[in-house]
Amino acid sequence: MYVRPLVLAIICAAIPRLSAGQTVELVYTPAVMHDAIALKESLKGPLVHASNALVLIDAPMAAKKKYVETLARAPVVLILGEHSLKLVSEVGFSASVILINATGPIDAKGRVFRVFDKAPPVSASAVTSSADVTKLMAAAGEIVLKGQADTTVQAVLGAIK
């Protein structure tokens, strides 16, 4: 008699946690909006929430705080472009952060992946699968990758599941 309500309670508690691991918060600015739309449509598997980082400029403090809290709770944050990085670089991310074509500093406690599809640094590694990314994750520090953005980001997301 008590088993069914207990099982229902466990299922209700587990579903949000299971789905939370599959969400990605995509941060962009209007300068890279077309790239953000293309990337969002190309990613397979995770639920991608896209948000414009320009809400941080001249926004009331309550709106900024809400935006920062949303980013801080995300299991994976995907930041597209240098301007987006400048706007959110001091958020203090606790989860993994994937930066696309951005070289500036970031305050992150989780893993930082830098993906370059245009003018990659010489230290960047080419990857084609999540297994390649997993091998690179054995080293400490930031991981710098090069290749087509959608394919490389998909490989990183597969490695950090």
N, C-alpha and C. Protein backbone atom coordinates (compact mmCIF):
# COMPACT_ATOMS: atom_id res chain seq x y z
N MET A 1 0.81 -1.19 0.00
CA MET A 1 0.00 0.00 0.00
C MET A 1 0.86 1.26 0.00
N TYR A 2 1.95 1.23 0.73
CA TYR A 2 2.83 2.40 0.80
C TYR A 2 3.88 2.40 -0.31
N VAL A 3 3.98 1.31 -1.03
CA VAL A 3 5.01 1.18 -2.05
C VAL A 3 4.75 2.11 -3.23
N ARG A 4 3.54 2.17 -3.72
CA ARG A 4 3.24 3.00 -4.89
C ARG A 4 3.52 4.48 -4.64
N PRO A 5 3.05 5.07 -3.54
CA PRO A 5 3.38 6.48 -3.31
C PRO A 5 4.89 6.71 -3.15
N LEU A 6 5.57 5.76 -2.55
CA LEU A 6 7.02 5.89 -2.39
C LEU A 6 7.73 5.85 -3.74
N VAL A 7 7.33 4.92 -4.60
CA VAL A 7 7.92 4.83 -5.94
C VAL A 7 7.61 6.10 -6.74
N LEU A 8 6.40 6.60 -6.65
CA LEU A 8 6.03 7.83 -7.35
C LEU A 8 6.87 9.01 -6.86
N ALA A 9 7.08 9.10 -5.56
CA ALA A 9 7.89 10.18 -5.01
C ALA A 9 9.34 10.09 -5.50
N ILE A 10 9.88 8.90 -5.56
CA ILE A 10 11.26 8.73 -6.04
C ILE A 10 11.37 9.11 -7.51
N ILE A 11 10.40 8.69 -8.31
CA ILE A 11 10.42 9.03 -9.73
C ILE A 11 10.31 10.54 -9.93
N CYS A 12 9.43 11.18 -9.18
CA CYS A 12 9.26 12.64 -9.31
C CYS A 12 10.53 13.37 -8.88
N ALA A 13 11.25 12.84 -7.92
CA ALA A 13 12.49 13.48 -7.48
C ALA A 13 13.63 13.22 -8.46
N ALA A 14 13.62 12.08 -9.12
CA ALA A 14 14.73 11.71 -10.00
C ALA A 14 14.64 12.35 -11.38
N ILE A 15 13.46 12.57 -11.90
CA ILE A 15 13.29 13.08 -13.26
C ILE A 15 13.96 14.44 -13.45
N PRO A 16 13.77 15.42 -12.58
CA PRO A 16 14.46 16.70 -12.80
C PRO A 16 15.98 16.57 -12.77
N ARG A 17 16.49 15.69 -11.91
CA ARG A 17 17.94 15.51 -11.85
C ARG A 17 18.48 14.84 -13.10
N LEU A 18 17.76 13.89 -13.63
CA LEU A 18 18.21 13.21 -14.84
C LEU A 18 18.18 14.14 -16.03
N SER A 19 17.15 14.95 -16.13
CA SER A 19 17.06 15.87 -17.26
C SER A 19 18.00 17.05 -17.12
N ALA A 20 18.37 17.42 -15.89
CA ALA A 20 19.26 18.56 -15.69
C ALA A 20 20.64 18.32 -16.27
N GLY A 21 21.09 17.07 -16.31
CA GLY A 21 22.39 16.76 -16.85
C GLY A 21 22.44 16.91 -18.36
N GLN A 22 21.32 17.01 -19.00
CA GLN A 22 21.26 17.08 -20.45
C GLN A 22 20.95 18.49 -20.96
N THR A 23 21.07 19.49 -20.14
CA THR A 23 20.77 20.85 -20.59
C THR A 23 22.05 21.66 -20.75
N VAL A 24 22.02 22.55 -21.72
CA VAL A 24 23.15 23.43 -22.01
C VAL A 24 22.61 24.85 -22.11
N GLU A 25 23.28 25.78 -21.48
CA GLU A 25 22.90 27.19 -21.57
C GLU A 25 23.82 27.85 -22.59
N LEU A 26 23.27 28.30 -23.70
CA LEU A 26 24.03 28.93 -24.79
C LEU A 26 23.94 30.44 -24.64
N VAL A 27 25.09 31.09 -24.49
CA VAL A 27 25.15 32.55 -24.31
C VAL A 27 25.75 33.15 -25.58
N TYR A 28 25.06 34.16 -26.12
CA TYR A 28 25.50 34.78 -27.37
C TYR A 28 25.19 36.26 -27.34
N THR A 29 25.69 36.98 -28.33
CA THR A 29 25.34 38.38 -28.57
C THR A 29 24.81 38.47 -30.00
N PRO A 30 24.14 39.57 -30.34
CA PRO A 30 23.59 39.69 -31.70
C PRO A 30 24.64 39.56 -32.81
N ALA A 31 25.90 39.88 -32.51
CA ALA A 31 26.94 39.77 -33.54
C ALA A 31 27.14 38.34 -34.01
N VAL A 32 26.85 37.37 -33.17
CA VAL A 32 27.04 35.96 -33.52
C VAL A 32 25.73 35.19 -33.47
N MET A 33 24.61 35.89 -33.64
CA MET A 33 23.30 35.24 -33.52
C MET A 33 23.10 34.15 -34.57
N HIS A 34 23.54 34.38 -35.79
CA HIS A 34 23.37 33.36 -36.84
C HIS A 34 24.17 32.10 -36.50
N ASP A 35 25.39 32.29 -35.96
CA ASP A 35 26.19 31.15 -35.54
C ASP A 35 25.53 30.42 -34.37
N ALA A 36 24.93 31.18 -33.46
CA ALA A 36 24.25 30.57 -32.30
C ALA A 36 23.06 29.73 -32.74
N ILE A 37 22.28 30.24 -33.68
CA ILE A 37 21.11 29.50 -34.18
C ILE A 37 21.57 28.22 -34.88
N ALA A 38 22.59 28.34 -35.71
CA ALA A 38 23.10 27.15 -36.42
C ALA A 38 23.64 26.12 -35.45
N LEU A 39 24.36 26.57 -34.43
CA LEU A 39 24.92 25.65 -33.44
C LEU A 39 23.81 24.98 -32.63
N LYS A 40 22.83 25.75 -32.22
CA LYS A 40 21.72 25.20 -31.44
C LYS A 40 20.98 24.12 -32.23
N GLU A 41 20.76 24.37 -33.51
CA GLU A 41 20.05 23.40 -34.34
C GLU A 41 20.88 22.16 -34.64
N SER A 42 22.20 22.29 -34.64
CA SER A 42 23.05 21.15 -35.00
C SER A 42 23.35 20.22 -33.83
N LEU A 43 23.21 20.70 -32.60
CA LEU A 43 23.53 19.85 -31.45
C LEU A 43 22.47 18.78 -31.27
N LYS A 44 22.92 17.55 -31.10
CA LYS A 44 22.02 16.42 -30.91
C LYS A 44 22.08 15.96 -29.47
N GLY A 45 20.95 15.73 -28.88
CA GLY A 45 20.92 15.19 -27.53
C GLY A 45 20.55 16.18 -26.45
N PRO A 46 21.43 17.15 -26.15
CA PRO A 46 21.11 18.01 -25.02
C PRO A 46 20.02 19.04 -25.34
N LEU A 47 19.33 19.45 -24.31
CA LEU A 47 18.35 20.52 -24.42
C LEU A 47 19.12 21.83 -24.31
N VAL A 48 19.05 22.66 -25.33
CA VAL A 48 19.83 23.90 -25.37
C VAL A 48 18.91 25.08 -25.12
N HIS A 49 19.26 25.88 -24.10
CA HIS A 49 18.55 27.12 -23.80
C HIS A 49 19.44 28.26 -24.28
N ALA A 50 18.99 29.04 -25.22
CA ALA A 50 19.77 30.16 -25.73
C ALA A 50 19.35 31.44 -25.04
N SER A 51 20.36 32.27 -24.71
CA SER A 51 20.05 33.55 -24.06
C SER A 51 21.03 34.61 -24.54
N ASN A 52 20.51 35.80 -24.77
CA ASN A 52 21.28 36.92 -25.25
C ASN A 52 21.98 37.59 -24.07
N ALA A 53 23.29 37.70 -24.14
CA ALA A 53 24.07 38.29 -23.06
C ALA A 53 23.90 39.80 -22.95
N LEU A 54 23.30 40.42 -23.95
CA LEU A 54 23.13 41.87 -23.89
C LEU A 54 22.14 42.32 -22.81
N VAL A 55 21.40 41.38 -22.23
CA VAL A 55 20.50 41.77 -21.13
C VAL A 55 21.30 42.27 -19.93
N LEU A 56 22.59 41.99 -19.89
CA LEU A 56 23.42 42.45 -18.77
C LEU A 56 23.80 43.92 -18.89
N ILE A 57 23.62 44.49 -20.08
CA ILE A 57 23.98 45.90 -20.28
C ILE A 57 22.78 46.77 -19.94
N ASP A 58 22.95 47.71 -19.06
CA ASP A 58 21.92 48.67 -18.66
C ASP A 58 20.64 48.01 -18.15
N ALA A 59 20.75 46.82 -17.64
CA ALA A 59 19.57 46.14 -17.08
C ALA A 59 19.49 46.44 -15.59
N PRO A 60 18.28 46.40 -15.03
CA PRO A 60 18.15 46.58 -13.59
C PRO A 60 18.90 45.46 -12.85
N MET A 61 19.30 45.75 -11.64
CA MET A 61 20.09 44.79 -10.87
C MET A 61 19.35 43.46 -10.68
N ALA A 62 18.04 43.49 -10.52
CA ALA A 62 17.27 42.26 -10.34
C ALA A 62 17.32 41.38 -11.59
N ALA A 63 17.26 42.00 -12.77
CA ALA A 63 17.33 41.23 -14.01
C ALA A 63 18.71 40.62 -14.20
N LYS A 64 19.75 41.40 -13.87
CA LYS A 64 21.11 40.88 -13.96
C LYS A 64 21.30 39.70 -13.01
N LYS A 65 20.79 39.85 -11.80
CA LYS A 65 20.94 38.79 -10.80
C LYS A 65 20.24 37.51 -11.24
N LYS A 66 19.05 37.64 -11.82
CA LYS A 66 18.30 36.48 -12.29
C LYS A 66 19.05 35.79 -13.43
N TYR A 67 19.60 36.57 -14.35
CA TYR A 67 20.35 36.01 -15.48
C TYR A 67 21.59 35.27 -14.99
N VAL A 68 22.31 35.88 -14.07
CA VAL A 68 23.53 35.27 -13.53
C VAL A 68 23.19 33.98 -12.77
N GLU A 69 22.10 33.98 -12.02
CA GLU A 69 21.69 32.77 -11.30
C GLU A 69 21.33 31.65 -12.27
N THR A 70 20.68 31.99 -13.36
CA THR A 70 20.34 30.99 -14.39
C THR A 70 21.61 30.37 -14.96
N LEU A 71 22.60 31.20 -15.27
CA LEU A 71 23.85 30.69 -15.81
C LEU A 71 24.61 29.86 -14.77
N ALA A 72 24.59 30.30 -13.53
CA ALA A 72 25.34 29.60 -12.49
C ALA A 72 24.75 28.21 -12.20
N ARG A 73 23.45 28.03 -12.42
CA ARG A 73 22.81 26.73 -12.17
C ARG A 73 22.94 25.76 -13.32
N ALA A 74 23.33 26.23 -14.48
CA ALA A 74 23.39 25.36 -15.66
C ALA A 74 24.50 24.32 -15.52
N PRO A 75 24.23 23.07 -15.91
CA PRO A 75 25.26 22.03 -15.83
C PRO A 75 26.39 22.25 -16.83
N VAL A 76 26.08 22.84 -17.98
CA VAL A 76 27.09 23.17 -18.99
C VAL A 76 26.73 24.53 -19.57
N VAL A 77 27.73 25.41 -19.66
CA VAL A 77 27.51 26.73 -20.25
C VAL A 77 28.35 26.82 -21.51
N LEU A 78 27.72 27.22 -22.59
CA LEU A 78 28.35 27.35 -23.90
C LEU A 78 28.35 28.83 -24.25
N ILE A 79 29.53 29.43 -24.34
CA ILE A 79 29.65 30.86 -24.59
C ILE A 79 30.21 31.06 -26.00
N LEU A 80 29.47 31.78 -26.81
CA LEU A 80 29.81 31.95 -28.22
C LEU A 80 30.34 33.36 -28.48
N GLY A 81 31.63 33.47 -28.74
CA GLY A 81 32.23 34.74 -29.11
C GLY A 81 32.85 35.51 -27.96
N GLU A 82 33.77 36.38 -28.34
CA GLU A 82 34.53 37.17 -27.38
C GLU A 82 33.65 38.17 -26.62
N HIS A 83 32.69 38.79 -27.30
CA HIS A 83 31.83 39.78 -26.64
C HIS A 83 30.96 39.13 -25.57
N SER A 84 30.44 37.96 -25.85
CA SER A 84 29.64 37.24 -24.86
C SER A 84 30.50 36.90 -23.65
N LEU A 85 31.73 36.48 -23.89
CA LEU A 85 32.63 36.13 -22.79
C LEU A 85 32.91 37.34 -21.91
N LYS A 86 33.12 38.50 -22.52
CA LYS A 86 33.40 39.71 -21.74
C LYS A 86 32.22 40.06 -20.82
N LEU A 87 31.00 39.81 -21.28
CA LEU A 87 29.82 40.15 -20.49
C LEU A 87 29.59 39.19 -19.32
N VAL A 88 30.03 37.94 -19.44
CA VAL A 88 29.74 36.96 -18.39
C VAL A 88 30.99 36.38 -17.74
N SER A 89 32.14 36.94 -18.01
CA SER A 89 33.40 36.35 -17.55
C SER A 89 33.54 36.30 -16.03
N GLU A 90 32.85 37.15 -15.30
CA GLU A 90 33.00 37.19 -13.85
C GLU A 90 31.86 36.52 -13.10
N VAL A 91 31.07 35.71 -13.79
CA VAL A 91 29.93 35.06 -13.16
C VAL A 91 30.38 34.06 -12.10
N GLY A 92 31.45 33.35 -12.32
CA GLY A 92 31.92 32.34 -11.38
C GLY A 92 31.20 31.01 -11.59
N PHE A 93 31.40 30.43 -12.75
CA PHE A 93 30.73 29.18 -13.11
C PHE A 93 31.28 28.03 -12.29
N SER A 94 30.37 27.18 -11.82
CA SER A 94 30.82 25.99 -11.09
C SER A 94 30.81 24.76 -11.99
N ALA A 95 30.16 24.83 -13.10
CA ALA A 95 30.05 23.70 -14.03
C ALA A 95 31.06 23.86 -15.17
N SER A 96 31.01 22.93 -16.10
CA SER A 96 31.89 22.99 -17.27
C SER A 96 31.48 24.15 -18.17
N VAL A 97 32.48 24.79 -18.78
CA VAL A 97 32.24 25.92 -19.67
C VAL A 97 32.92 25.62 -21.00
N ILE A 98 32.18 25.81 -22.09
CA ILE A 98 32.72 25.65 -23.43
C ILE A 98 32.72 27.03 -24.08
N LEU A 99 33.88 27.49 -24.46
CA LEU A 99 34.03 28.80 -25.10
C LEU A 99 34.31 28.59 -26.58
N ILE A 100 33.59 29.26 -27.43
CA ILE A 100 33.81 29.14 -28.87
C ILE A 100 34.37 30.46 -29.39
N ASN A 101 35.55 30.37 -29.97
CA ASN A 101 36.25 31.53 -30.55
C ASN A 101 36.36 32.68 -29.56
N ALA A 102 36.76 32.36 -28.33
CA ALA A 102 36.94 33.37 -27.29
C ALA A 102 38.23 33.07 -26.54
N THR A 103 39.04 34.10 -26.35
CA THR A 103 40.35 33.90 -25.72
C THR A 103 40.49 34.58 -24.37
N GLY A 104 39.53 35.38 -23.97
CA GLY A 104 39.64 36.14 -22.73
C GLY A 104 39.56 35.27 -21.49
N PRO A 105 39.85 35.89 -20.33
CA PRO A 105 39.82 35.15 -19.06
C PRO A 105 38.39 34.83 -18.63
N ILE A 106 38.25 33.76 -17.84
CA ILE A 106 36.94 33.37 -17.33
C ILE A 106 37.11 32.83 -15.92
N ASP A 107 36.13 33.15 -15.07
CA ASP A 107 36.12 32.68 -13.68
C ASP A 107 35.27 31.41 -13.64
N ALA A 108 35.94 30.26 -13.66
CA ALA A 108 35.21 28.99 -13.68
C ALA A 108 35.91 27.98 -12.78
N LYS A 109 35.11 27.26 -12.00
CA LYS A 109 35.64 26.22 -11.13
C LYS A 109 35.64 24.87 -11.85
N GLY A 110 34.74 24.71 -12.83
CA GLY A 110 34.66 23.47 -13.59
C GLY A 110 35.66 23.47 -14.74
N ARG A 111 35.57 22.47 -15.58
CA ARG A 111 36.45 22.35 -16.74
C ARG A 111 36.15 23.45 -17.75
N VAL A 112 37.20 23.95 -18.38
CA VAL A 112 37.04 24.97 -19.41
C VAL A 112 37.57 24.39 -20.72
N PHE A 113 36.72 24.41 -21.73
CA PHE A 113 37.07 23.94 -23.07
C PHE A 113 37.01 25.15 -23.99
N ARG A 114 38.07 25.38 -24.73
CA ARG A 114 38.09 26.46 -25.73
C ARG A 114 38.09 25.82 -27.11
N VAL A 115 37.09 26.17 -27.90
CA VAL A 115 36.93 25.60 -29.24
C VAL A 115 37.14 26.72 -30.25
N PHE A 116 38.02 26.47 -31.22
CA PHE A 116 38.30 27.45 -32.25
C PHE A 116 38.04 26.83 -33.62
N ASP A 117 37.17 27.46 -34.38
CA ASP A 117 36.99 27.04 -35.77
C ASP A 117 37.58 28.06 -36.72
N LYS A 118 38.02 29.18 -36.18
CA LYS A 118 38.67 30.22 -36.98
C LYS A 118 39.96 30.59 -36.26
N ALA A 119 41.07 30.56 -36.95
CA ALA A 119 42.38 30.95 -36.44
C ALA A 119 42.69 30.32 -35.07
N PRO A 120 42.81 29.00 -35.01
CA PRO A 120 43.11 28.36 -33.73
C PRO A 120 44.56 28.59 -33.33
N PRO A 121 44.84 28.61 -32.02
CA PRO A 121 46.23 28.72 -31.58
C PRO A 121 46.99 27.42 -31.91
N VAL A 122 48.30 27.50 -31.91
CA VAL A 122 49.10 26.32 -32.25
C VAL A 122 48.95 25.20 -31.23
N SER A 123 48.58 25.53 -30.01
CA SER A 123 48.44 24.51 -28.97
C SER A 123 47.12 23.74 -29.05
N ALA A 124 46.24 24.13 -29.98
CA ALA A 124 44.92 23.50 -30.09
C ALA A 124 45.04 22.09 -30.67
N SER A 125 44.22 21.19 -30.13
CA SER A 125 44.18 19.80 -30.60
C SER A 125 42.93 19.57 -31.43
N ALA A 126 43.08 18.85 -32.52
CA ALA A 126 41.94 18.50 -33.35
C ALA A 126 41.27 17.26 -32.78
N VAL A 127 39.95 17.28 -32.66
CA VAL A 127 39.21 16.13 -32.16
C VAL A 127 38.04 15.83 -33.10
N THR A 128 37.68 14.56 -33.14
CA THR A 128 36.55 14.17 -33.97
C THR A 128 35.50 13.39 -33.19
N SER A 129 35.85 12.98 -31.97
CA SER A 129 34.89 12.19 -31.18
C SER A 129 35.04 12.51 -29.70
N SER A 130 34.05 12.07 -28.94
CA SER A 130 34.11 12.30 -27.49
C SER A 130 35.24 11.49 -26.85
N ALA A 131 35.65 10.39 -27.48
CA ALA A 131 36.78 9.61 -26.96
C ALA A 131 38.07 10.43 -27.04
N ASP A 132 38.24 11.19 -28.11
CA ASP A 132 39.41 12.07 -28.24
C ASP A 132 39.42 13.12 -27.13
N VAL A 133 38.26 13.69 -26.84
CA VAL A 133 38.16 14.70 -25.79
C VAL A 133 38.43 14.08 -24.43
N THR A 134 37.91 12.88 -24.19
CA THR A 134 38.12 12.20 -22.91
C THR A 134 39.61 11.98 -22.66
N LYS A 135 40.37 11.62 -23.68
CA LYS A 135 41.81 11.44 -23.53
C LYS A 135 42.48 12.74 -23.12
N LEU A 136 42.05 13.85 -23.72
CA LEU A 136 42.63 15.15 -23.39
C LEU A 136 42.25 15.63 -22.00
N MET A 137 41.13 15.13 -21.48
CA MET A 137 40.66 15.55 -20.15
C MET A 137 41.54 15.01 -19.03
N ALA A 138 42.42 14.06 -19.34
CA ALA A 138 43.32 13.52 -18.32
C ALA A 138 44.30 14.59 -17.84
N ALA A 139 44.62 15.53 -18.70
CA ALA A 139 45.51 16.63 -18.32
C ALA A 139 44.73 17.68 -17.54
N ALA A 140 45.43 18.36 -16.65
CA ALA A 140 44.79 19.42 -15.86
C ALA A 140 44.76 20.72 -16.66
N GLY A 141 43.88 21.62 -16.27
CA GLY A 141 43.81 22.93 -16.90
C GLY A 141 42.83 22.98 -18.05
N GLU A 142 42.89 24.09 -18.77
CA GLU A 142 42.00 24.31 -19.90
C GLU A 142 42.36 23.39 -21.06
N ILE A 143 41.36 23.01 -21.82
CA ILE A 143 41.56 22.17 -22.99
C ILE A 143 41.25 23.02 -24.21
N VAL A 144 42.23 23.16 -25.09
CA VAL A 144 42.08 23.99 -26.29
C VAL A 144 41.92 23.07 -27.49
N LEU A 145 40.82 23.25 -28.21
CA LEU A 145 40.47 22.37 -29.33
C LEU A 145 40.28 23.18 -30.61
N LYS A 146 40.46 22.50 -31.73
CA LYS A 146 40.20 23.14 -33.01
C LYS A 146 39.38 22.20 -33.87
N GLY A 147 38.62 22.79 -34.78
CA GLY A 147 37.79 22.02 -35.69
C GLY A 147 36.46 22.73 -35.91
N GLN A 148 35.61 22.10 -36.69
CA GLN A 148 34.30 22.66 -36.95
C GLN A 148 33.55 22.78 -35.63
N ALA A 149 32.96 23.92 -35.36
CA ALA A 149 32.38 24.20 -34.04
C ALA A 149 31.33 23.19 -33.62
N ASP A 150 30.37 22.89 -34.49
CA ASP A 150 29.29 21.99 -34.09
C ASP A 150 29.78 20.58 -33.78
N THR A 151 30.68 20.06 -34.60
CA THR A 151 31.21 18.72 -34.38
C THR A 151 32.06 18.66 -33.11
N THR A 152 32.89 19.67 -32.91
CA THR A 152 33.77 19.69 -31.75
C THR A 152 32.97 19.86 -30.46
N VAL A 153 31.98 20.75 -30.46
CA VAL A 153 31.15 20.95 -29.28
C VAL A 153 30.36 19.68 -28.97
N GLN A 154 29.85 19.00 -29.98
CA GLN A 154 29.13 17.75 -29.77
C GLN A 154 30.05 16.71 -29.13
N ALA A 155 31.32 16.65 -29.56
CA ALA A 155 32.28 15.72 -28.96
C ALA A 155 32.56 16.08 -27.51
N VAL A 156 32.68 17.36 -27.20
CA VAL A 156 32.91 17.79 -25.82
C VAL A 156 31.71 17.43 -24.94
N LEU A 157 30.51 17.70 -25.42
CA LEU A 157 29.29 17.38 -24.65
C LEU A 157 29.19 15.88 -24.40
N GLY A 158 29.58 15.08 -25.37
CA GLY A 158 29.57 13.63 -25.18
C GLY A 158 30.59 13.19 -24.15
N ALA A 159 31.72 13.87 -24.08
CA ALA A 159 32.77 13.50 -23.12
C ALA A 159 32.44 13.91 -21.69
N ILE A 160 31.69 14.98 -21.51
CA ILE A 160 31.43 15.46 -20.14
C ILE A 160 30.09 15.02 -19.60
N LYS A 161 29.40 14.12 -20.29
CA LYS A 161 28.10 13.61 -19.80
C LYS A 161 28.26 12.98 -18.46
